[in-house]
Amino acid sequence: MRNLAIRRPGTFKIFDGRADLHLLEEGGALYYAVTTPKITLRTRSRWTALDSYWFVYPEHSTHTWFYNGKQLLLIKLIEPHLRFDTSHLNPELLSTAPRYVQEHIRLHEQS
């Protein structure tokens, strides 16, 4: 398990190097794309403001968590597919998140 969250724009390897995470900044807004050799999953609109509280937590080889200050998103790599779940559609998602994600969201909500 990785202990560090991603908190800056750039391109990162996730899912044990089987996918690229692109965090793109444009005009103060942040967008993301997750790409594998067979599929791309990306935001069509702004994911969050660059200067807001956000992080991406690559938990392990199949789970990467995204938090934009309002909503939690889980992207799972189940080859050859990318699947996702959001706290907007699944209010119980936070309870299934790793401790690191839960603690950082709670700290943000308390501030």
PDB file of N, CA and C in Angstrom:
ATOM      1  N   MET A   1       0.838  -1.180   0.000  1.00  0.00           N
ATOM      2  CA  MET A   1       0.000   0.000   0.000  1.00  0.00           C
ATOM      3  C   MET A   1       0.885   1.245   0.000  1.00  0.00           C
ATOM      4  N   ARG A   2       0.537   2.204  -0.792  1.00  0.00           N
ATOM      5  CA  ARG A   2       1.289   3.444  -0.856  1.00  0.00           C
ATOM      6  C   ARG A   2       0.790   4.404   0.215  1.00  0.00           C
ATOM      7  N   ASN A   3       1.697   5.197   0.742  1.00  0.00           N
ATOM      8  CA  ASN A   3       1.342   6.113   1.816  1.00  0.00           C
ATOM      9  C   ASN A   3       1.163   7.545   1.351  1.00  0.00           C
ATOM     10  N   LEU A   4       1.530   7.834   0.107  1.00  0.00           N
ATOM     11  CA  LEU A   4       1.494   9.214  -0.342  1.00  0.00           C
ATOM     12  C   LEU A   4       0.405   9.448  -1.369  1.00  0.00           C
ATOM     13  N   ALA A   5      -0.322  10.507  -1.160  1.00  0.00           N
ATOM     14  CA  ALA A   5      -1.336  10.909  -2.125  1.00  0.00           C
ATOM     15  C   ALA A   5      -0.700  11.840  -3.153  1.00  0.00           C
ATOM     16  N   ILE A   6      -1.295  11.890  -4.314  1.00  0.00           N
ATOM     17  CA  ILE A   6      -0.868  12.803  -5.372  1.00  0.00           C
ATOM     18  C   ILE A   6      -1.640  14.101  -5.191  1.00  0.00           C
ATOM     19  N   ARG A   7      -0.917  15.233  -5.174  1.00  0.00           N
ATOM     20  CA  ARG A   7      -1.547  16.533  -4.942  1.00  0.00           C
ATOM     21  C   ARG A   7      -1.051  17.604  -5.898  1.00  0.00           C
ATOM     22  N   ARG A   8      -0.533  17.188  -7.041  1.00  0.00           N
ATOM     23  CA  ARG A   8      -0.053  18.177  -8.011  1.00  0.00           C
ATOM     24  C   ARG A   8      -0.345  17.683  -9.421  1.00  0.00           C
ATOM     25  N   PRO A   9      -0.497  18.602 -10.361  1.00  0.00           N
ATOM     26  CA  PRO A   9      -0.701  18.191 -11.748  1.00  0.00           C
ATOM     27  C   PRO A   9       0.521  17.441 -12.273  1.00  0.00           C
ATOM     28  N   GLY A  10       0.292  16.616 -13.269  1.00  0.00           N
ATOM     29  CA  GLY A  10       1.375  15.867 -13.897  1.00  0.00           C
ATOM     30  C   GLY A  10       0.855  14.533 -14.401  1.00  0.00           C
ATOM     31  N   THR A  11       1.772  13.688 -14.835  1.00  0.00           N
ATOM     32  CA  THR A  11       1.435  12.352 -15.309  1.00  0.00           C
ATOM     33  C   THR A  11       2.094  11.359 -14.371  1.00  0.00           C
ATOM     34  N   PHE A  12       1.312  10.371 -13.924  1.00  0.00           N
ATOM     35  CA  PHE A  12       1.761   9.409 -12.932  1.00  0.00           C
ATOM     36  C   PHE A  12       1.361   8.007 -13.370  1.00  0.00           C
ATOM     37  N   LYS A  13       2.160   7.030 -13.026  1.00  0.00           N
ATOM     38  CA  LYS A  13       1.820   5.627 -13.242  1.00  0.00           C
ATOM     39  C   LYS A  13       0.962   5.167 -12.069  1.00  0.00           C
ATOM     40  N   ILE A  14      -0.141   4.493 -12.368  1.00  0.00           N
ATOM     41  CA  ILE A  14      -0.993   3.908 -11.323  1.00  0.00           C
ATOM     42  C   ILE A  14      -1.302   2.468 -11.714  1.00  0.00           C
ATOM     43  N   PHE A  15      -1.967   1.767 -10.832  1.00  0.00           N
ATOM     44  CA  PHE A  15      -2.311   0.356 -11.046  1.00  0.00           C
ATOM     45  C   PHE A  15      -1.056  -0.446 -11.399  1.00  0.00           C
ATOM     46  N   ASP A  16      -0.033  -0.285 -10.548  1.00  0.00           N
ATOM     47  CA  ASP A  16       1.254  -0.974 -10.743  1.00  0.00           C
ATOM     48  C   ASP A  16       1.814  -0.782 -12.147  1.00  0.00           C
ATOM     49  N   GLY A  17       1.673   0.424 -12.673  1.00  0.00           N
ATOM     50  CA  GLY A  17       2.237   0.760 -13.975  1.00  0.00           C
ATOM     51  C   GLY A  17       1.392   0.354 -15.163  1.00  0.00           C
ATOM     52  N   ARG A  18       0.221  -0.194 -14.929  1.00  0.00           N
ATOM     53  CA  ARG A  18      -0.633  -0.636 -16.033  1.00  0.00           C
ATOM     54  C   ARG A  18      -1.507   0.469 -16.593  1.00  0.00           C
ATOM     55  N   ALA A  19      -1.470   1.662 -15.979  1.00  0.00           N
ATOM     56  CA  ALA A  19      -2.259   2.796 -16.471  1.00  0.00           C
ATOM     57  C   ALA A  19      -1.523   4.085 -16.137  1.00  0.00           C
ATOM     58  N   ASP A  20      -1.839   5.116 -16.899  1.00  0.00           N
ATOM     59  CA  ASP A  20      -1.317   6.453 -16.638  1.00  0.00           C
ATOM     60  C   ASP A  20      -2.433   7.325 -16.105  1.00  0.00           C
ATOM     61  N   LEU A  21      -2.107   8.116 -15.108  1.00  0.00           N
ATOM     62  CA  LEU A  21      -3.012   9.129 -14.583  1.00  0.00           C
ATOM     63  C   LEU A  21      -2.473  10.472 -15.038  1.00  0.00           C
ATOM     64  N   HIS A  22      -3.298  11.217 -15.767  1.00  0.00           N
ATOM     65  CA  HIS A  22      -2.938  12.555 -16.223  1.00  0.00           C
ATOM     66  C   HIS A  22      -3.781  13.546 -15.430  1.00  0.00           C
ATOM     67  N   LEU A  23      -3.137  14.380 -14.636  1.00  0.00           N
ATOM     68  CA  LEU A  23      -3.803  15.467 -13.930  1.00  0.00           C
ATOM     69  C   LEU A  23      -3.403  16.743 -14.643  1.00  0.00           C
ATOM     70  N   LEU A  24      -4.363  17.326 -15.329  1.00  0.00           N
ATOM     71  CA  LEU A  24      -4.098  18.451 -16.226  1.00  0.00           C
ATOM     72  C   LEU A  24      -4.696  19.725 -15.668  1.00  0.00           C
ATOM     73  N   GLU A  25      -3.876  20.785 -15.620  1.00  0.00           N
ATOM     74  CA  GLU A  25      -4.340  22.079 -15.147  1.00  0.00           C
ATOM     75  C   GLU A  25      -4.560  22.986 -16.346  1.00  0.00           C
ATOM     76  N   GLU A  26      -5.709  23.644 -16.348  1.00  0.00           N
ATOM     77  CA  GLU A  26      -6.005  24.605 -17.407  1.00  0.00           C
ATOM     78  C   GLU A  26      -6.840  25.728 -16.822  1.00  0.00           C
ATOM     79  N   GLY A  27      -6.292  26.920 -16.825  1.00  0.00           N
ATOM     80  CA  GLY A  27      -7.025  28.084 -16.339  1.00  0.00           C
ATOM     81  C   GLY A  27      -7.469  27.976 -14.892  1.00  0.00           C
ATOM     82  N   GLY A  28      -6.646  27.366 -14.047  1.00  0.00           N
ATOM     83  CA  GLY A  28      -6.989  27.217 -12.634  1.00  0.00           C
ATOM     84  C   GLY A  28      -7.887  26.040 -12.331  1.00  0.00           C
ATOM     85  N   ALA A  29      -8.311  25.313 -13.367  1.00  0.00           N
ATOM     86  CA  ALA A  29      -9.162  24.133 -13.180  1.00  0.00           C
ATOM     87  C   ALA A  29      -8.316  22.877 -13.355  1.00  0.00           C
ATOM     88  N   LEU A  30      -8.738  21.805 -12.718  1.00  0.00           N
ATOM     89  CA  LEU A  30      -8.033  20.533 -12.801  1.00  0.00           C
ATOM     90  C   LEU A  30      -8.934  19.502 -13.470  1.00  0.00           C
ATOM     91  N   TYR A  31      -8.368  18.786 -14.409  1.00  0.00           N
ATOM     92  CA  TYR A  31      -9.037  17.718 -15.132  1.00  0.00           C
ATOM     93  C   TYR A  31      -8.205  16.455 -14.955  1.00  0.00           C
ATOM     94  N   TYR A  32      -8.822  15.280 -15.089  1.00  0.00           N
ATOM     95  CA  TYR A  32      -8.032  14.054 -15.024  1.00  0.00           C
ATOM     96  C   TYR A  32      -8.391  13.134 -16.174  1.00  0.00           C
ATOM     97  N   ALA A  33      -7.446  12.263 -16.494  1.00  0.00           N
ATOM     98  CA  ALA A  33      -7.671  11.175 -17.457  1.00  0.00           C
ATOM     99  C   ALA A  33      -6.892   9.974 -16.954  1.00  0.00           C
ATOM    100  N   VAL A  34      -7.508   8.812 -17.024  1.00  0.00           N
ATOM    101  CA  VAL A  34      -6.846   7.546 -16.709  1.00  0.00           C
ATOM    102  C   VAL A  34      -6.812   6.765 -18.014  1.00  0.00           C
ATOM    103  N   THR A  35      -5.602   6.381 -18.427  1.00  0.00           N
ATOM    104  CA  THR A  35      -5.473   5.693 -19.706  1.00  0.00           C
ATOM    105  C   THR A  35      -4.763   4.355 -19.529  1.00  0.00           C
ATOM    106  N   THR A  36      -5.304   3.358 -20.199  1.00  0.00           N
ATOM    107  CA  THR A  36      -4.669   2.050 -20.308  1.00  0.00           C
ATOM    108  C   THR A  36      -4.450   1.824 -21.804  1.00  0.00           C
ATOM    109  N   PRO A  37      -3.769   0.749 -22.187  1.00  0.00           N
ATOM    110  CA  PRO A  37      -3.607   0.512 -23.623  1.00  0.00           C
ATOM    111  C   PRO A  37      -4.939   0.343 -24.369  1.00  0.00           C
ATOM    112  N   LYS A  38      -6.021   0.005 -23.648  1.00  0.00           N
ATOM    113  CA  LYS A  38      -7.288  -0.263 -24.326  1.00  0.00           C
ATOM    114  C   LYS A  38      -8.400   0.741 -24.057  1.00  0.00           C
ATOM    115  N   ILE A  39      -8.263   1.583 -23.030  1.00  0.00           N
ATOM    116  CA  ILE A  39      -9.382   2.461 -22.672  1.00  0.00           C
ATOM    117  C   ILE A  39      -8.863   3.749 -22.034  1.00  0.00           C
ATOM    118  N   THR A  40      -9.665   4.808 -22.179  1.00  0.00           N
ATOM    119  CA  THR A  40      -9.389   6.082 -21.506  1.00  0.00           C
ATOM    120  C   THR A  40     -10.660   6.529 -20.795  1.00  0.00           C
ATOM    121  N   LEU A  41     -10.493   6.907 -19.552  1.00  0.00           N
ATOM    122  CA  LEU A  41     -11.586   7.466 -18.755  1.00  0.00           C
ATOM    123  C   LEU A  41     -11.142   8.862 -18.364  1.00  0.00           C
ATOM    124  N   ARG A  42     -11.941   9.885 -18.722  1.00  0.00           N
ATOM    125  CA  ARG A  42     -11.530  11.253 -18.411  1.00  0.00           C
ATOM    126  C   ARG A  42     -12.736  12.124 -18.094  1.00  0.00           C
ATOM    127  N   THR A  43     -12.429  13.240 -17.437  1.00  0.00           N
ATOM    128  CA  THR A  43     -13.470  14.216 -17.149  1.00  0.00           C
ATOM    129  C   THR A  43     -13.739  15.030 -18.398  1.00  0.00           C
ATOM    130  N   ARG A  44     -14.970  15.323 -18.623  1.00  0.00           N
ATOM    131  CA  ARG A  44     -15.330  16.216 -19.734  1.00  0.00           C
ATOM    132  C   ARG A  44     -15.447  17.646 -19.255  1.00  0.00           C
ATOM    133  N   SER A  45     -15.669  17.794 -17.967  1.00  0.00           N
ATOM    134  CA  SER A  45     -15.735  19.133 -17.389  1.00  0.00           C
ATOM    135  C   SER A  45     -14.747  19.201 -16.230  1.00  0.00           C
ATOM    136  N   ARG A  46     -14.620  20.352 -15.667  1.00  0.00           N
ATOM    137  CA  ARG A  46     -13.676  20.584 -14.573  1.00  0.00           C
ATOM    138  C   ARG A  46     -13.945  19.615 -13.429  1.00  0.00           C
ATOM    139  N   TRP A  47     -12.889  18.931 -12.965  1.00  0.00           N
ATOM    140  CA  TRP A  47     -13.023  18.036 -11.814  1.00  0.00           C
ATOM    141  C   TRP A  47     -13.022  18.830 -10.524  1.00  0.00           C
ATOM    142  N   THR A  48     -12.135  19.807 -10.436  1.00  0.00           N
ATOM    143  CA  THR A  48     -12.059  20.675  -9.272  1.00  0.00           C
ATOM    144  C   THR A  48     -11.191  21.881  -9.608  1.00  0.00           C
ATOM    145  N   ALA A  49     -11.172  22.846  -8.717  1.00  0.00           N
ATOM    146  CA  ALA A  49     -10.256  23.977  -8.870  1.00  0.00           C
ATOM    147  C   ALA A  49      -8.877  23.554  -8.365  1.00  0.00           C
ATOM    148  N   LEU A  50      -7.845  23.965  -9.056  1.00  0.00           N
ATOM    149  CA  LEU A  50      -6.488  23.577  -8.684  1.00  0.00           C
ATOM    150  C   LEU A  50      -6.158  24.012  -7.261  1.00  0.00           C
ATOM    151  N   ASP A  51      -6.655  25.179  -6.838  1.00  0.00           N
ATOM    152  CA  ASP A  51      -6.312  25.686  -5.506  1.00  0.00           C
ATOM    153  C   ASP A  51      -7.255  25.195  -4.408  1.00  0.00           C
ATOM    154  N   SER A  52      -8.166  24.281  -4.714  1.00  0.00           N
ATOM    155  CA  SER A  52      -9.037  23.710  -3.688  1.00  0.00           C
ATOM    156  C   SER A  52      -8.351  22.497  -3.055  1.00  0.00           C
ATOM    157  N   TYR A  53      -8.965  21.939  -2.017  1.00  0.00           N
ATOM    158  CA  TYR A  53      -8.408  20.747  -1.384  1.00  0.00           C
ATOM    159  C   TYR A  53      -8.795  19.528  -2.209  1.00  0.00           C
ATOM    160  N   TRP A  54      -7.800  18.794  -2.694  1.00  0.00           N
ATOM    161  CA  TRP A  54      -8.054  17.596  -3.485  1.00  0.00           C
ATOM    162  C   TRP A  54      -6.857  16.661  -3.344  1.00  0.00           C
ATOM    163  N   PHE A  55      -7.088  15.393  -3.638  1.00  0.00           N
ATOM    164  CA  PHE A  55      -5.988  14.436  -3.700  1.00  0.00           C
ATOM    165  C   PHE A  55      -6.415  13.213  -4.500  1.00  0.00           C
ATOM    166  N   VAL A  56      -5.407  12.485  -4.967  1.00  0.00           N
ATOM    167  CA  VAL A  56      -5.600  11.187  -5.617  1.00  0.00           C
ATOM    168  C   VAL A  56      -4.742  10.209  -4.832  1.00  0.00           C
ATOM    169  N   TYR A  57      -5.340   9.102  -4.425  1.00  0.00           N
ATOM    170  CA  TYR A  57      -4.636   8.113  -3.611  1.00  0.00           C
ATOM    171  C   TYR A  57      -4.616   6.761  -4.325  1.00  0.00           C
ATOM    172  N   PRO A  58      -3.478   6.404  -4.935  1.00  0.00           N
ATOM    173  CA  PRO A  58      -3.368   5.085  -5.572  1.00  0.00           C
ATOM    174  C   PRO A  58      -3.177   4.025  -4.487  1.00  0.00           C
ATOM    175  N   GLU A  59      -4.268   3.385  -4.109  1.00  0.00           N
ATOM    176  CA  GLU A  59      -4.236   2.457  -2.971  1.00  0.00           C
ATOM    177  C   GLU A  59      -3.401   1.210  -3.268  1.00  0.00           C
ATOM    178  N   HIS A  60      -3.692   0.545  -4.368  1.00  0.00           N
ATOM    179  CA  HIS A  60      -2.929  -0.644  -4.751  1.00  0.00           C
ATOM    180  C   HIS A  60      -3.152  -0.945  -6.219  1.00  0.00           C
ATOM    181  N   SER A  61      -2.868  -2.132  -6.634  1.00  0.00           N
ATOM    182  CA  SER A  61      -2.835  -2.459  -8.065  1.00  0.00           C
ATOM    183  C   SER A  61      -4.190  -2.389  -8.765  1.00  0.00           C
ATOM    184  N   THR A  62      -5.282  -2.294  -8.036  1.00  0.00           N
ATOM    185  CA  THR A  62      -6.590  -2.235  -8.699  1.00  0.00           C
ATOM    186  C   THR A  62      -7.475  -1.063  -8.257  1.00  0.00           C
ATOM    187  N   HIS A  63      -7.097  -0.318  -7.233  1.00  0.00           N
ATOM    188  CA  HIS A  63      -7.944   0.756  -6.703  1.00  0.00           C
ATOM    189  C   HIS A  63      -7.189   2.080  -6.633  1.00  0.00           C
ATOM    190  N   THR A  64      -7.791   3.133  -7.174  1.00  0.00           N
ATOM    191  CA  THR A  64      -7.278   4.488  -7.022  1.00  0.00           C
ATOM    192  C   THR A  64      -8.442   5.382  -6.623  1.00  0.00           C
ATOM    193  N   TRP A  65      -8.239   6.151  -5.551  1.00  0.00           N
ATOM    194  CA  TRP A  65      -9.262   7.017  -4.974  1.00  0.00           C
ATOM    195  C   TRP A  65      -9.005   8.470  -5.349  1.00  0.00           C
ATOM    196  N   PHE A  66     -10.069   9.185  -5.688  1.00  0.00           N
ATOM    197  CA  PHE A  66     -10.000  10.593  -6.059  1.00  0.00           C
ATOM    198  C   PHE A  66     -10.934  11.369  -5.116  1.00  0.00           C
ATOM    199  N   TYR A  67     -10.465  12.494  -4.598  1.00  0.00           N
ATOM    200  CA  TYR A  67     -11.312  13.345  -3.766  1.00  0.00           C
ATOM    201  C   TYR A  67     -11.118  14.785  -4.213  1.00  0.00           C
ATOM    202  N   ASN A  68     -12.222  15.465  -4.490  1.00  0.00           N
ATOM    203  CA  ASN A  68     -12.134  16.836  -4.992  1.00  0.00           C
ATOM    204  C   ASN A  68     -12.682  17.877  -4.014  1.00  0.00           C
ATOM    205  N   GLY A  69     -12.753  17.524  -2.745  1.00  0.00           N
ATOM    206  CA  GLY A  69     -13.261  18.455  -1.745  1.00  0.00           C
ATOM    207  C   GLY A  69     -14.747  18.335  -1.518  1.00  0.00           C
ATOM    208  N   LYS A  70     -15.432  17.635  -2.419  1.00  0.00           N
ATOM    209  CA  LYS A  70     -16.879  17.459  -2.314  1.00  0.00           C
ATOM    210  C   LYS A  70     -17.306  16.007  -2.488  1.00  0.00           C
ATOM    211  N   GLN A  71     -16.654  15.322  -3.379  1.00  0.00           N
ATOM    212  CA  GLN A  71     -17.086  13.979  -3.766  1.00  0.00           C
ATOM    213  C   GLN A  71     -15.908  13.020  -3.816  1.00  0.00           C
ATOM    214  N   LEU A  72     -16.147  11.799  -3.388  1.00  0.00           N
ATOM    215  CA  LEU A  72     -15.154  10.740  -3.443  1.00  0.00           C
ATOM    216  C   LEU A  72     -15.451   9.865  -4.659  1.00  0.00           C
ATOM    217  N   LEU A  73     -14.411   9.519  -5.373  1.00  0.00           N
ATOM    218  CA  LEU A  73     -14.530   8.683  -6.565  1.00  0.00           C
ATOM    219  C   LEU A  73     -13.531   7.541  -6.436  1.00  0.00           C
ATOM    220  N   LEU A  74     -13.964   6.343  -6.733  1.00  0.00           N
ATOM    221  CA  LEU A  74     -13.094   5.178  -6.767  1.00  0.00           C
ATOM    222  C   LEU A  74     -13.055   4.665  -8.201  1.00  0.00           C
ATOM    223  N   ILE A  75     -11.851   4.547  -8.746  1.00  0.00           N
ATOM    224  CA  ILE A  75     -11.684   3.928 -10.063  1.00  0.00           C
ATOM    225  C   ILE A  75     -10.966   2.606  -9.844  1.00  0.00           C
ATOM    226  N   LYS A  76     -11.551   1.542 -10.378  1.00  0.00           N
ATOM    227  CA  LYS A  76     -10.982   0.199 -10.260  1.00  0.00           C
ATOM    228  C   LYS A  76     -10.570  -0.291 -11.636  1.00  0.00           C
ATOM    229  N   LEU A  77      -9.409  -0.897 -11.684  1.00  0.00           N
ATOM    230  CA  LEU A  77      -8.946  -1.545 -12.911  1.00  0.00           C
ATOM    231  C   LEU A  77      -9.245  -3.027 -12.781  1.00  0.00           C
ATOM    232  N   ILE A  78     -10.207  -3.486 -13.558  1.00  0.00           N
ATOM    233  CA  ILE A  78     -10.546  -4.902 -13.656  1.00  0.00           C
ATOM    234  C   ILE A  78     -10.363  -5.222 -15.130  1.00  0.00           C
ATOM    235  N   GLU A  79      -9.141  -5.597 -15.463  1.00  0.00           N
ATOM    236  CA  GLU A  79      -8.732  -5.681 -16.868  1.00  0.00           C
ATOM    237  C   GLU A  79      -9.679  -6.523 -17.699  1.00  0.00           C
ATOM    238  N   PRO A  80     -10.004  -6.022 -18.863  1.00  0.00           N
ATOM    239  CA  PRO A  80      -9.460  -4.823 -19.512  1.00  0.00           C
ATOM    240  C   PRO A  80     -10.284  -3.571 -19.239  1.00  0.00           C
ATOM    241  N   HIS A  81     -11.113  -3.577 -18.229  1.00  0.00           N
ATOM    242  CA  HIS A  81     -12.056  -2.479 -17.997  1.00  0.00           C
ATOM    243  C   HIS A  81     -11.635  -1.578 -16.842  1.00  0.00           C
ATOM    244  N   LEU A  82     -12.083  -0.339 -16.896  1.00  0.00           N
ATOM    245  CA  LEU A  82     -12.024   0.580 -15.773  1.00  0.00           C
ATOM    246  C   LEU A  82     -13.451   0.741 -15.273  1.00  0.00           C
ATOM    247  N   ARG A  83     -13.647   0.543 -13.991  1.00  0.00           N
ATOM    248  CA  ARG A  83     -14.972   0.705 -13.384  1.00  0.00           C
ATOM    249  C   ARG A  83     -14.867   1.819 -12.348  1.00  0.00           C
ATOM    250  N   PHE A  84     -15.982   2.510 -12.109  1.00  0.00           N
ATOM    251  CA  PHE A  84     -15.928   3.574 -11.122  1.00  0.00           C
ATOM    252  C   PHE A  84     -17.167   3.572 -10.248  1.00  0.00           C
ATOM    253  N   ASP A  85     -17.007   4.162  -9.084  1.00  0.00           N
ATOM    254  CA  ASP A  85     -18.082   4.336  -8.118  1.00  0.00           C
ATOM    255  C   ASP A  85     -17.877   5.706  -7.493  1.00  0.00           C
ATOM    256  N   THR A  86     -18.955   6.417  -7.180  1.00  0.00           N
ATOM    257  CA  THR A  86     -18.850   7.746  -6.579  1.00  0.00           C
ATOM    258  C   THR A  86     -19.689   7.827  -5.314  1.00  0.00           C
ATOM    259  N   SER A  87     -19.269   8.693  -4.415  1.00  0.00           N
ATOM    260  CA  SER A  87     -20.038   8.907  -3.191  1.00  0.00           C
ATOM    261  C   SER A  87     -21.366   9.588  -3.488  1.00  0.00           C
ATOM    262  N   HIS A  88     -21.473  10.224  -4.639  1.00  0.00           N
ATOM    263  CA  HIS A  88     -22.736  10.833  -5.051  1.00  0.00           C
ATOM    264  C   HIS A  88     -23.798   9.750  -5.292  1.00  0.00           C
ATOM    265  N   LEU A  89     -23.385   8.668  -5.924  1.00  0.00           N
ATOM    266  CA  LEU A  89     -24.312   7.566  -6.213  1.00  0.00           C
ATOM    267  C   LEU A  89     -24.324   6.507  -5.115  1.00  0.00           C
ATOM    268  N   ASN A  90     -23.240   6.393  -4.371  1.00  0.00           N
ATOM    269  CA  ASN A  90     -23.104   5.378  -3.335  1.00  0.00           C
ATOM    270  C   ASN A  90     -22.646   6.050  -2.040  1.00  0.00           C
ATOM    271  N   PRO A  91     -23.590   6.470  -1.194  1.00  0.00           N
ATOM    272  CA  PRO A  91     -23.225   7.181   0.034  1.00  0.00           C
ATOM    273  C   PRO A  91     -22.348   6.361   0.985  1.00  0.00           C
ATOM    274  N   GLU A  92     -22.306   5.051   0.835  1.00  0.00           N
ATOM    275  CA  GLU A  92     -21.499   4.193   1.704  1.00  0.00           C
ATOM    276  C   GLU A  92     -20.057   4.065   1.228  1.00  0.00           C
ATOM    277  N   LEU A  93     -19.703   4.689   0.119  1.00  0.00           N
ATOM    278  CA  LEU A  93     -18.370   4.510  -0.447  1.00  0.00           C
ATOM    279  C   LEU A  93     -17.268   4.912   0.533  1.00  0.00           C
ATOM    280  N   LEU A  94     -17.439   6.001   1.252  1.00  0.00           N
ATOM    281  CA  LEU A  94     -16.408   6.447   2.193  1.00  0.00           C
ATOM    282  C   LEU A  94     -16.094   5.367   3.228  1.00  0.00           C
ATOM    283  N   SER A  95     -17.094   4.636   3.667  1.00  0.00           N
ATOM    284  CA  SER A  95     -16.858   3.607   4.687  1.00  0.00           C
ATOM    285  C   SER A  95     -16.020   2.446   4.160  1.00  0.00           C
ATOM    286  N   THR A  96     -15.898   2.321   2.849  1.00  0.00           N
ATOM    287  CA  THR A  96     -15.083   1.249   2.264  1.00  0.00           C
ATOM    288  C   THR A  96     -13.680   1.728   1.888  1.00  0.00           C
ATOM    289  N   ALA A  97     -13.442   3.016   2.034  1.00  0.00           N
ATOM    290  CA  ALA A  97     -12.149   3.602   1.656  1.00  0.00           C
ATOM    291  C   ALA A  97     -11.078   3.240   2.681  1.00  0.00           C
ATOM    292  N   PRO A  98      -9.822   3.243   2.254  1.00  0.00           N
ATOM    293  CA  PRO A  98      -8.734   2.990   3.210  1.00  0.00           C
ATOM    294  C   PRO A  98      -8.656   4.097   4.257  1.00  0.00           C
ATOM    295  N   ARG A  99      -8.028   3.790   5.369  1.00  0.00           N
ATOM    296  CA  ARG A  99      -7.952   4.726   6.494  1.00  0.00           C
ATOM    297  C   ARG A  99      -7.369   6.073   6.069  1.00  0.00           C
ATOM    298  N   TYR A 100      -6.328   6.060   5.248  1.00  0.00           N
ATOM    299  CA  TYR A 100      -5.695   7.300   4.791  1.00  0.00           C
ATOM    300  C   TYR A 100      -6.730   8.229   4.152  1.00  0.00           C
ATOM    301  N   VAL A 101      -7.550   7.698   3.264  1.00  0.00           N
ATOM    302  CA  VAL A 101      -8.569   8.487   2.564  1.00  0.00           C
ATOM    303  C   VAL A 101      -9.611   8.994   3.555  1.00  0.00           C
ATOM    304  N   GLN A 102     -10.110   8.127   4.413  1.00  0.00           N
ATOM    305  CA  GLN A 102     -11.124   8.526   5.391  1.00  0.00           C
ATOM    306  C   GLN A 102     -10.609   9.637   6.301  1.00  0.00           C
ATOM    307  N   GLU A 103      -9.382   9.481   6.812  1.00  0.00           N
ATOM    308  CA  GLU A 103      -8.838  10.484   7.731  1.00  0.00           C
ATOM    309  C   GLU A 103      -8.649  11.831   7.055  1.00  0.00           C
ATOM    310  N   HIS A 104      -8.153  11.842   5.830  1.00  0.00           N
ATOM    311  CA  HIS A 104      -7.931  13.110   5.149  1.00  0.00           C
ATOM    312  C   HIS A 104      -9.232  13.808   4.768  1.00  0.00           C
ATOM    313  N   ILE A 105     -10.240  13.056   4.434  1.00  0.00           N
ATOM    314  CA  ILE A 105     -11.542  13.661   4.144  1.00  0.00           C
ATOM    315  C   ILE A 105     -12.145  14.221   5.411  1.00  0.00           C
ATOM    316  N   ARG A 106     -12.082  13.483   6.511  1.00  0.00           N
ATOM    317  CA  ARG A 106     -12.634  13.981   7.780  1.00  0.00           C
ATOM    318  C   ARG A 106     -11.904  15.253   8.235  1.00  0.00           C
ATOM    319  N   LEU A 107     -10.583  15.277   8.106  1.00  0.00           N
ATOM    320  CA  LEU A 107      -9.826  16.478   8.477  1.00  0.00           C
ATOM    321  C   LEU A 107     -10.250  17.669   7.626  1.00  0.00           C
ATOM    322  N   HIS A 108     -10.443  17.446   6.352  1.00  0.00           N
ATOM    323  CA  HIS A 108     -10.885  18.528   5.456  1.00  0.00           C
ATOM    324  C   HIS A 108     -12.281  19.016   5.854  1.00  0.00           C
ATOM    325  N   GLU A 109     -13.176  18.098   6.149  1.00  0.00           N
ATOM    326  CA  GLU A 109     -14.543  18.485   6.495  1.00  0.00           C
ATOM    327  C   GLU A 109     -14.612  19.215   7.826  1.00  0.00           C
ATOM    328  N   GLN A 110     -13.663  18.959   8.720  1.00  0.00           N
ATOM    329  CA  GLN A 110     -13.646  19.620  10.025  1.00  0.00           C
ATOM    330  C   GLN A 110     -13.028  21.012   9.967  1.00  0.00           C
ATOM    331  N   SER A 111     -12.287  21.293   8.898  1.00  0.00           N
ATOM    332  CA  SER A 111     -11.610  22.597   8.819  1.00  0.00           C
ATOM    333  C   SER A 111     -12.515  23.682   8.281  1.00  0.00           C
TER     334      SER A 111
END
